[in-house]
């Protein structure tokens, strides 16, 4: 998706900006702390979505090949 292409560079820029805003660690202002730590959160959101997309696209193919479901329902052990 296109938003991943925008989010990954934004996360890198935000991480650098956060390091420049609070270079010695936690700042006295809560807003600066939250904003300076958003870079890794954005990166993990983007990578998590990409991983989910890869897993969900490949799961039906593996299920068709092997005949067993890789997704467990709530009632099965």
PDB file of N, CA and C in Angstrom:
ATOM      1  N   UNK A   1       0.810  -1.199   0.000  1.00  0.00           N
ATOM      2  CA  UNK A   1       0.000   0.000   0.000  1.00  0.00           C
ATOM      3  C   UNK A   1       0.856   1.267   0.000  1.00  0.00           C
ATOM      4  N   UNK A   2       0.294   2.296  -0.506  1.00  0.00           N
ATOM      5  CA  UNK A   2       1.024   3.555  -0.653  1.00  0.00           C
ATOM      6  C   UNK A   2       1.383   4.172   0.697  1.00  0.00           C
ATOM      7  N   UNK A   3       0.507   4.028   1.701  1.00  0.00           N
ATOM      8  CA  UNK A   3       0.777   4.678   2.979  1.00  0.00           C
ATOM      9  C   UNK A   3       2.015   4.117   3.656  1.00  0.00           C
ATOM     10  N   UNK A   4       2.358   2.856   3.374  1.00  0.00           N
ATOM     11  CA  UNK A   4       3.591   2.284   3.925  1.00  0.00           C
ATOM     12  C   UNK A   4       4.803   2.996   3.336  1.00  0.00           C
ATOM     13  N   UNK A   5       4.737   3.299   2.041  1.00  0.00           N
ATOM     14  CA  UNK A   5       5.832   4.011   1.393  1.00  0.00           C
ATOM     15  C   UNK A   5       6.054   5.402   1.952  1.00  0.00           C
ATOM     16  N   UNK A   6       5.006   6.014   2.455  1.00  0.00           N
ATOM     17  CA  UNK A   6       5.146   7.323   3.100  1.00  0.00           C
ATOM     18  C   UNK A   6       5.557   7.178   4.568  1.00  0.00           C
ATOM     19  N   UNK A   7       5.070   6.133   5.212  1.00  0.00           N
ATOM     20  CA  UNK A   7       5.283   5.986   6.647  1.00  0.00           C
ATOM     21  C   UNK A   7       6.711   5.582   7.000  1.00  0.00           C
ATOM     22  N   UNK A   8       7.347   4.745   6.196  1.00  0.00           N
ATOM     23  CA  UNK A   8       8.702   4.303   6.529  1.00  0.00           C
ATOM     24  C   UNK A   8       9.716   5.450   6.527  1.00  0.00           C
ATOM     25  N   UNK A   9       9.777   6.298   5.482  1.00  0.00           N
ATOM     26  CA  UNK A   9      10.700   7.446   5.577  1.00  0.00           C
ATOM     27  C   UNK A   9      10.292   8.435   6.666  1.00  0.00           C
ATOM     28  N   UNK A  10       8.980   8.604   6.869  1.00  0.00           N
ATOM     29  CA  UNK A  10       8.523   9.501   7.927  1.00  0.00           C
ATOM     30  C   UNK A  10       8.979   8.999   9.295  1.00  0.00           C
ATOM     31  N   UNK A  11       8.940   7.699   9.504  1.00  0.00           N
ATOM     32  CA  UNK A  11       9.395   7.134  10.777  1.00  0.00           C
ATOM     33  C   UNK A  11      10.882   7.390  10.982  1.00  0.00           C
ATOM     34  N   UNK A  12      11.671   7.272   9.920  1.00  0.00           N
ATOM     35  CA  UNK A  12      13.109   7.542  10.039  1.00  0.00           C
ATOM     36  C   UNK A  12      13.364   9.008  10.366  1.00  0.00           C
ATOM     37  N   UNK A  13      12.670   9.894   9.678  1.00  0.00           N
ATOM     38  CA  UNK A  13      12.836  11.328   9.933  1.00  0.00           C
ATOM     39  C   UNK A  13      12.365  11.668  11.340  1.00  0.00           C
ATOM     40  N   UNK A  14      11.260  11.084  11.758  1.00  0.00           N
ATOM     41  CA  UNK A  14      10.712  11.362  13.082  1.00  0.00           C
ATOM     42  C   UNK A  14      11.651  10.853  14.179  1.00  0.00           C
ATOM     43  N   UNK A  15      12.316   9.716  13.939  1.00  0.00           N
ATOM     44  CA  UNK A  15      13.265   9.194  14.917  1.00  0.00           C
ATOM     45  C   UNK A  15      14.449  10.134  15.077  1.00  0.00           C
ATOM     46  N   UNK A  16      14.968  10.637  13.960  1.00  0.00           N
ATOM     47  CA  UNK A  16      16.078  11.595  14.030  1.00  0.00           C
ATOM     48  C   UNK A  16      15.626  12.874  14.723  1.00  0.00           C
ATOM     49  N   UNK A  17      14.449  13.368  14.383  1.00  0.00           N
ATOM     50  CA  UNK A  17      13.934  14.581  15.021  1.00  0.00           C
ATOM     51  C   UNK A  17      13.715  14.356  16.517  1.00  0.00           C
ATOM     52  N   UNK A  18      13.233  13.189  16.885  1.00  0.00           N
ATOM     53  CA  UNK A  18      13.048  12.883  18.302  1.00  0.00           C
ATOM     54  C   UNK A  18      14.353  12.822  19.056  1.00  0.00           C
ATOM     55  N   UNK A  19      15.395  12.329  18.397  1.00  0.00           N
ATOM     56  CA  UNK A  19      16.713  12.303  19.023  1.00  0.00           C
ATOM     57  C   UNK A  19      17.252  13.713  19.203  1.00  0.00           C
ATOM     58  N   UNK A  20      16.966  14.583  18.258  1.00  0.00           N
ATOM     59  CA  UNK A  20      17.412  15.971  18.385  1.00  0.00           C
ATOM     60  C   UNK A  20      16.593  16.735  19.424  1.00  0.00           C
ATOM     61  N   UNK A  21      15.304  16.403  19.563  1.00  0.00           N
ATOM     62  CA  UNK A  21      14.459  17.081  20.550  1.00  0.00           C
ATOM     63  C   UNK A  21      14.817  16.694  21.982  1.00  0.00           C
ATOM     64  N   UNK A  22      15.089  15.438  22.208  1.00  0.00           N
ATOM     65  CA  UNK A  22      15.403  14.952  23.552  1.00  0.00           C
ATOM     66  C   UNK A  22      16.657  14.087  23.495  1.00  0.00           C
ATOM     67  N   UNK A  23      17.838  14.697  23.298  1.00  0.00           N
ATOM     68  CA  UNK A  23      19.054  13.902  23.118  1.00  0.00           C
ATOM     69  C   UNK A  23      19.516  13.177  24.376  1.00  0.00           C
ATOM     70  N   UNK A  24      19.190  13.700  25.538  1.00  0.00           N
ATOM     71  CA  UNK A  24      19.694  13.084  26.769  1.00  0.00           C
ATOM     72  C   UNK A  24      18.663  12.183  27.438  1.00  0.00           C
ATOM     73  N   UNK A  25      17.614  11.853  26.742  1.00  0.00           N
ATOM     74  CA  UNK A  25      16.602  10.974  27.314  1.00  0.00           C
ATOM     75  C   UNK A  25      15.311  11.713  27.592  1.00  0.00           C
ATOM     76  N   UNK A  26      14.597  11.291  28.616  1.00  0.00           N
ATOM     77  CA  UNK A  26      13.300  11.905  28.907  1.00  0.00           C
ATOM     78  C   UNK A  26      13.408  13.404  29.198  1.00  0.00           C
ATOM     79  N   UNK A  27      12.510  14.152  28.597  1.00  0.00           N
ATOM     80  CA  UNK A  27      12.452  15.594  28.822  1.00  0.00           C
ATOM     81  C   UNK A  27      11.441  15.884  29.929  1.00  0.00           C
ATOM     82  N   UNK A  28      11.426  17.118  30.385  1.00  0.00           N
ATOM     83  CA  UNK A  28      10.494  17.509  31.446  1.00  0.00           C
ATOM     84  C   UNK A  28       9.064  17.606  30.925  1.00  0.00           C
ATOM     85  N   UNK A  29       8.911  17.844  29.642  1.00  0.00           N
ATOM     86  CA  UNK A  29       7.590  18.022  29.046  1.00  0.00           C
ATOM     87  C   UNK A  29       7.074  16.683  28.509  1.00  0.00           C
ATOM     88  N   UNK A  30       5.882  16.293  28.914  1.00  0.00           N
ATOM     89  CA  UNK A  30       5.299  15.022  28.478  1.00  0.00           C
ATOM     90  C   UNK A  30       5.061  14.994  26.974  1.00  0.00           C
ATOM     91  N   UNK A  31       4.623  16.103  26.402  1.00  0.00           N
ATOM     92  CA  UNK A  31       4.346  16.147  24.962  1.00  0.00           C
ATOM     93  C   UNK A  31       5.616  15.891  24.154  1.00  0.00           C
ATOM     94  N   UNK A  32       6.734  16.456  24.584  1.00  0.00           N
ATOM     95  CA  UNK A  32       8.000  16.219  23.879  1.00  0.00           C
ATOM     96  C   UNK A  32       8.398  14.754  24.000  1.00  0.00           C
ATOM     97  N   UNK A  33       8.192  14.154  25.156  1.00  0.00           N
ATOM     98  CA  UNK A  33       8.504  12.731  25.319  1.00  0.00           C
ATOM     99  C   UNK A  33       7.668  11.867  24.383  1.00  0.00           C
ATOM    100  N   UNK A  34       6.379  12.152  24.304  1.00  0.00           N
ATOM    101  CA  UNK A  34       5.509  11.354  23.438  1.00  0.00           C
ATOM    102  C   UNK A  34       5.862  11.542  21.967  1.00  0.00           C
ATOM    103  N   UNK A  35       6.104  12.771  21.556  1.00  0.00           N
ATOM    104  CA  UNK A  35       6.447  13.031  20.153  1.00  0.00           C
ATOM    105  C   UNK A  35       7.816  12.469  19.786  1.00  0.00           C
ATOM    106  N   UNK A  36       8.776  12.537  20.702  1.00  0.00           N
ATOM    107  CA  UNK A  36      10.115  12.046  20.375  1.00  0.00           C
ATOM    108  C   UNK A  36      10.160  10.525  20.278  1.00  0.00           C
ATOM    109  N   UNK A  37       9.189   9.842  20.875  1.00  0.00           N
ATOM    110  CA  UNK A  37       9.164   8.380  20.825  1.00  0.00           C
ATOM    111  C   UNK A  37       8.214   7.825  19.773  1.00  0.00           C
ATOM    112  N   UNK A  38       7.654   8.661  18.922  1.00  0.00           N
ATOM    113  CA  UNK A  38       6.713   8.193  17.905  1.00  0.00           C
ATOM    114  C   UNK A  38       7.393   7.536  16.706  1.00  0.00           C
ATOM    115  N   UNK A  39       8.651   7.838  16.434  1.00  0.00           N
ATOM    116  CA  UNK A  39       9.340   7.272  15.276  1.00  0.00           C
ATOM    117  C   UNK A  39       9.360   5.752  15.276  1.00  0.00           C
ATOM    118  N   UNK A  40       9.851   5.118  16.354  1.00  0.00           N
ATOM    119  CA  UNK A  40       9.838   3.654  16.393  1.00  0.00           C
ATOM    120  C   UNK A  40       8.432   3.058  16.378  1.00  0.00           C
ATOM    121  N   UNK A  41       7.467   3.761  16.945  1.00  0.00           N
ATOM    122  CA  UNK A  41       6.086   3.267  16.934  1.00  0.00           C
ATOM    123  C   UNK A  41       5.554   3.232  15.503  1.00  0.00           C
ATOM    124  N   UNK A  42       5.818   4.289  14.747  1.00  0.00           N
ATOM    125  CA  UNK A  42       5.394   4.320  13.343  1.00  0.00           C
ATOM    126  C   UNK A  42       6.084   3.222  12.540  1.00  0.00           C
ATOM    127  N   UNK A  43       7.375   3.013  12.797  1.00  0.00           N
ATOM    128  CA  UNK A  43       8.117   1.965  12.097  1.00  0.00           C
ATOM    129  C   UNK A  43       7.528   0.590  12.392  1.00  0.00           C
ATOM    130  N   UNK A  44       7.241   0.310  13.655  1.00  0.00           N
ATOM    131  CA  UNK A  44       6.688  -0.995  14.014  1.00  0.00           C
ATOM    132  C   UNK A  44       5.281  -1.186  13.452  1.00  0.00           C
ATOM    133  N   UNK A  45       4.501  -0.116  13.381  1.00  0.00           N
ATOM    134  CA  UNK A  45       3.166  -0.224  12.783  1.00  0.00           C
ATOM    135  C   UNK A  45       3.275  -0.588  11.305  1.00  0.00           C
ATOM    136  N   UNK A  46       4.192   0.053  10.598  1.00  0.00           N
ATOM    137  CA  UNK A  46       4.366  -0.229   9.172  1.00  0.00           C
ATOM    138  C   UNK A  46       4.887  -1.645   8.952  1.00  0.00           C
ATOM    139  N   UNK A  47       5.907  -2.042   9.707  1.00  0.00           N
ATOM    140  CA  UNK A  47       6.466  -3.383   9.535  1.00  0.00           C
ATOM    141  C   UNK A  47       5.486  -4.462   9.982  1.00  0.00           C
ATOM    142  N   UNK A  48       4.724  -4.184  11.026  1.00  0.00           N
ATOM    143  CA  UNK A  48       3.708  -5.140  11.466  1.00  0.00           C
ATOM    144  C   UNK A  48       2.634  -5.349  10.417  1.00  0.00           C
ATOM    145  N   UNK A  49       2.206  -4.269   9.772  1.00  0.00           N
ATOM    146  CA  UNK A  49       1.201  -4.390   8.717  1.00  0.00           C
ATOM    147  C   UNK A  49       1.761  -5.170   7.526  1.00  0.00           C
ATOM    148  N   UNK A  50       3.006  -4.884   7.155  1.00  0.00           N
ATOM    149  CA  UNK A  50       3.607  -5.627   6.043  1.00  0.00           C
ATOM    150  C   UNK A  50       3.746  -7.106   6.375  1.00  0.00           C
ATOM    151  N   UNK A  51       4.143  -7.424   7.599  1.00  0.00           N
ATOM    152  CA  UNK A  51       4.242  -8.822   8.016  1.00  0.00           C
ATOM    153  C   UNK A  51       2.897  -9.516   8.001  1.00  0.00           C
ATOM    154  N   UNK A  52       1.869  -8.817   8.457  1.00  0.00           N
ATOM    155  CA  UNK A  52       0.524  -9.391   8.435  1.00  0.00           C
ATOM    156  C   UNK A  52       0.068  -9.641   7.006  1.00  0.00           C
ATOM    157  N   UNK A  53       0.358  -8.706   6.106  1.00  0.00           N
ATOM    158  CA  UNK A  53      -0.015  -8.881   4.699  1.00  0.00           C
ATOM    159  C   UNK A  53       0.691 -10.098   4.110  1.00  0.00           C
ATOM    160  N   UNK A  54       1.977 -10.256   4.391  1.00  0.00           N
ATOM    161  CA  UNK A  54       2.707 -11.415   3.876  1.00  0.00           C
ATOM    162  C   UNK A  54       2.144 -12.713   4.443  1.00  0.00           C
ATOM    163  N   UNK A  55       1.838 -12.726   5.724  1.00  0.00           N
ATOM    164  CA  UNK A  55       1.318 -13.932   6.345  1.00  0.00           C
ATOM    165  C   UNK A  55      -0.070 -14.268   5.818  1.00  0.00           C
ATOM    166  N   UNK A  56      -0.925 -13.276   5.690  1.00  0.00           N
ATOM    167  CA  UNK A  56      -2.301 -13.553   5.288  1.00  0.00           C
ATOM    168  C   UNK A  56      -2.412 -13.921   3.813  1.00  0.00           C
ATOM    169  N   UNK A  57      -1.493 -13.461   2.985  1.00  0.00           N
ATOM    170  CA  UNK A  57      -1.515 -13.836   1.572  1.00  0.00           C
ATOM    171  C   UNK A  57      -0.991 -15.257   1.401  1.00  0.00           C
ATOM    172  N   UNK A  58       0.009 -15.638   2.191  1.00  0.00           N
ATOM    173  CA  UNK A  58       0.639 -16.945   2.049  1.00  0.00           C
ATOM    174  C   UNK A  58      -0.143 -18.053   2.754  1.00  0.00           C
ATOM    175  N   UNK A  59      -0.926 -17.734   3.764  1.00  0.00           N
ATOM    176  CA  UNK A  59      -1.622 -18.758   4.544  1.00  0.00           C
ATOM    177  C   UNK A  59      -2.582 -19.607   3.702  1.00  0.00           C
ATOM    178  N   UNK A  60      -3.421 -19.031   2.824  1.00  0.00           N
ATOM    179  CA  UNK A  60      -4.302 -19.885   2.017  1.00  0.00           C
ATOM    180  C   UNK A  60      -3.536 -20.811   1.069  1.00  0.00           C
ATOM    181  N   UNK A  61      -2.393 -20.357   0.572  1.00  0.00           N
ATOM    182  CA  UNK A  61      -1.591 -21.199  -0.320  1.00  0.00           C
ATOM    183  C   UNK A  61      -1.045 -22.391   0.450  1.00  0.00           C
ATOM    184  N   UNK A  62      -0.522 -22.148   1.652  1.00  0.00           N
ATOM    185  CA  UNK A  62      -0.005 -23.253   2.463  1.00  0.00           C
ATOM    186  C   UNK A  62      -1.122 -24.209   2.865  1.00  0.00           C
ATOM    187  N   UNK A  63      -2.287 -23.653   3.159  1.00  0.00           N
ATOM    188  CA  UNK A  63      -3.412 -24.498   3.538  1.00  0.00           C
ATOM    189  C   UNK A  63      -3.860 -25.365   2.368  1.00  0.00           C
ATOM    190  N   UNK A  64      -3.846 -24.821   1.161  1.00  0.00           N
ATOM    191  CA  UNK A  64      -4.244 -25.593  -0.014  1.00  0.00           C
ATOM    192  C   UNK A  64      -3.236 -26.704  -0.304  1.00  0.00           C
ATOM    193  N   UNK A  65      -1.952 -26.431  -0.069  1.00  0.00           N
ATOM    194  CA  UNK A  65      -0.925 -27.448  -0.336  1.00  0.00           C
ATOM    195  C   UNK A  65      -0.968 -28.585   0.674  1.00  0.00           C
ATOM    196  N   UNK A  66      -1.084 -28.237   1.956  1.00  0.00           N
ATOM    197  CA  UNK A  66      -0.969 -29.252   3.001  1.00  0.00           C
ATOM    198  C   UNK A  66      -2.310 -29.799   3.462  1.00  0.00           C
ATOM    199  N   UNK A  67      -3.378 -29.058   3.276  1.00  0.00           N
ATOM    200  CA  UNK A  67      -4.690 -29.501   3.710  1.00  0.00           C
ATOM    201  C   UNK A  67      -4.997 -29.205   5.160  1.00  0.00           C
ATOM    202  N   UNK A  68      -4.057 -28.620   5.898  1.00  0.00           N
ATOM    203  CA  UNK A  68      -4.323 -28.285   7.297  1.00  0.00           C
ATOM    204  C   UNK A  68      -4.368 -26.776   7.476  1.00  0.00           C
ATOM    205  N   UNK A  69      -5.203 -26.359   8.389  1.00  0.00           N
ATOM    206  CA  UNK A  69      -5.374 -24.930   8.620  1.00  0.00           C
ATOM    207  C   UNK A  69      -4.286 -24.417   9.552  1.00  0.00           C
ATOM    208  N   UNK A  70      -3.708 -23.275   9.207  1.00  0.00           N
ATOM    209  CA  UNK A  70      -2.690 -22.662  10.043  1.00  0.00           C
ATOM    210  C   UNK A  70      -3.296 -21.646  10.995  1.00  0.00           C
ATOM    211  N   UNK A  71      -4.590 -21.394  10.849  1.00  0.00           N
ATOM    212  CA  UNK A  71      -5.286 -20.464  11.731  1.00  0.00           C
ATOM    213  C   UNK A  71      -6.129 -21.294  12.683  1.00  0.00           C
ATOM    214  N   UNK A  72      -5.853 -21.177  13.961  1.00  0.00           N
ATOM    215  CA  UNK A  72      -6.582 -21.941  14.971  1.00  0.00           C
ATOM    216  C   UNK A  72      -7.840 -21.182  15.372  1.00  0.00           C
ATOM    217  N   UNK A  73      -8.941 -21.896  15.449  1.00  0.00           N
ATOM    218  CA  UNK A  73     -10.166 -21.251  15.926  1.00  0.00           C
ATOM    219  C   UNK A  73     -10.154 -21.244  17.453  1.00  0.00           C
ATOM    220  N   UNK A  74     -11.065 -20.497  18.044  1.00  0.00           N
ATOM    221  CA  UNK A  74     -11.078 -20.331  19.498  1.00  0.00           C
ATOM    222  C   UNK A  74     -11.368 -21.644  20.224  1.00  0.00           C
ATOM    223  N   UNK A  75     -12.132 -22.534  19.618  1.00  0.00           N
ATOM    224  CA  UNK A  75     -12.504 -23.771  20.289  1.00  0.00           C
ATOM    225  C   UNK A  75     -11.507 -24.906  20.122  1.00  0.00           C
ATOM    226  N   UNK A  76     -10.593 -24.832  19.173  1.00  0.00           N
ATOM    227  CA  UNK A  76      -9.666 -25.942  18.933  1.00  0.00           C
ATOM    228  C   UNK A  76      -8.400 -25.774  19.753  1.00  0.00           C
ATOM    229  N   UNK A  77      -7.768 -26.887  20.059  1.00  0.00           N
ATOM    230  CA  UNK A  77      -6.549 -26.839  20.873  1.00  0.00           C
ATOM    231  C   UNK A  77      -5.323 -26.999  20.023  1.00  0.00           C
TER     232      UNK A  77
END
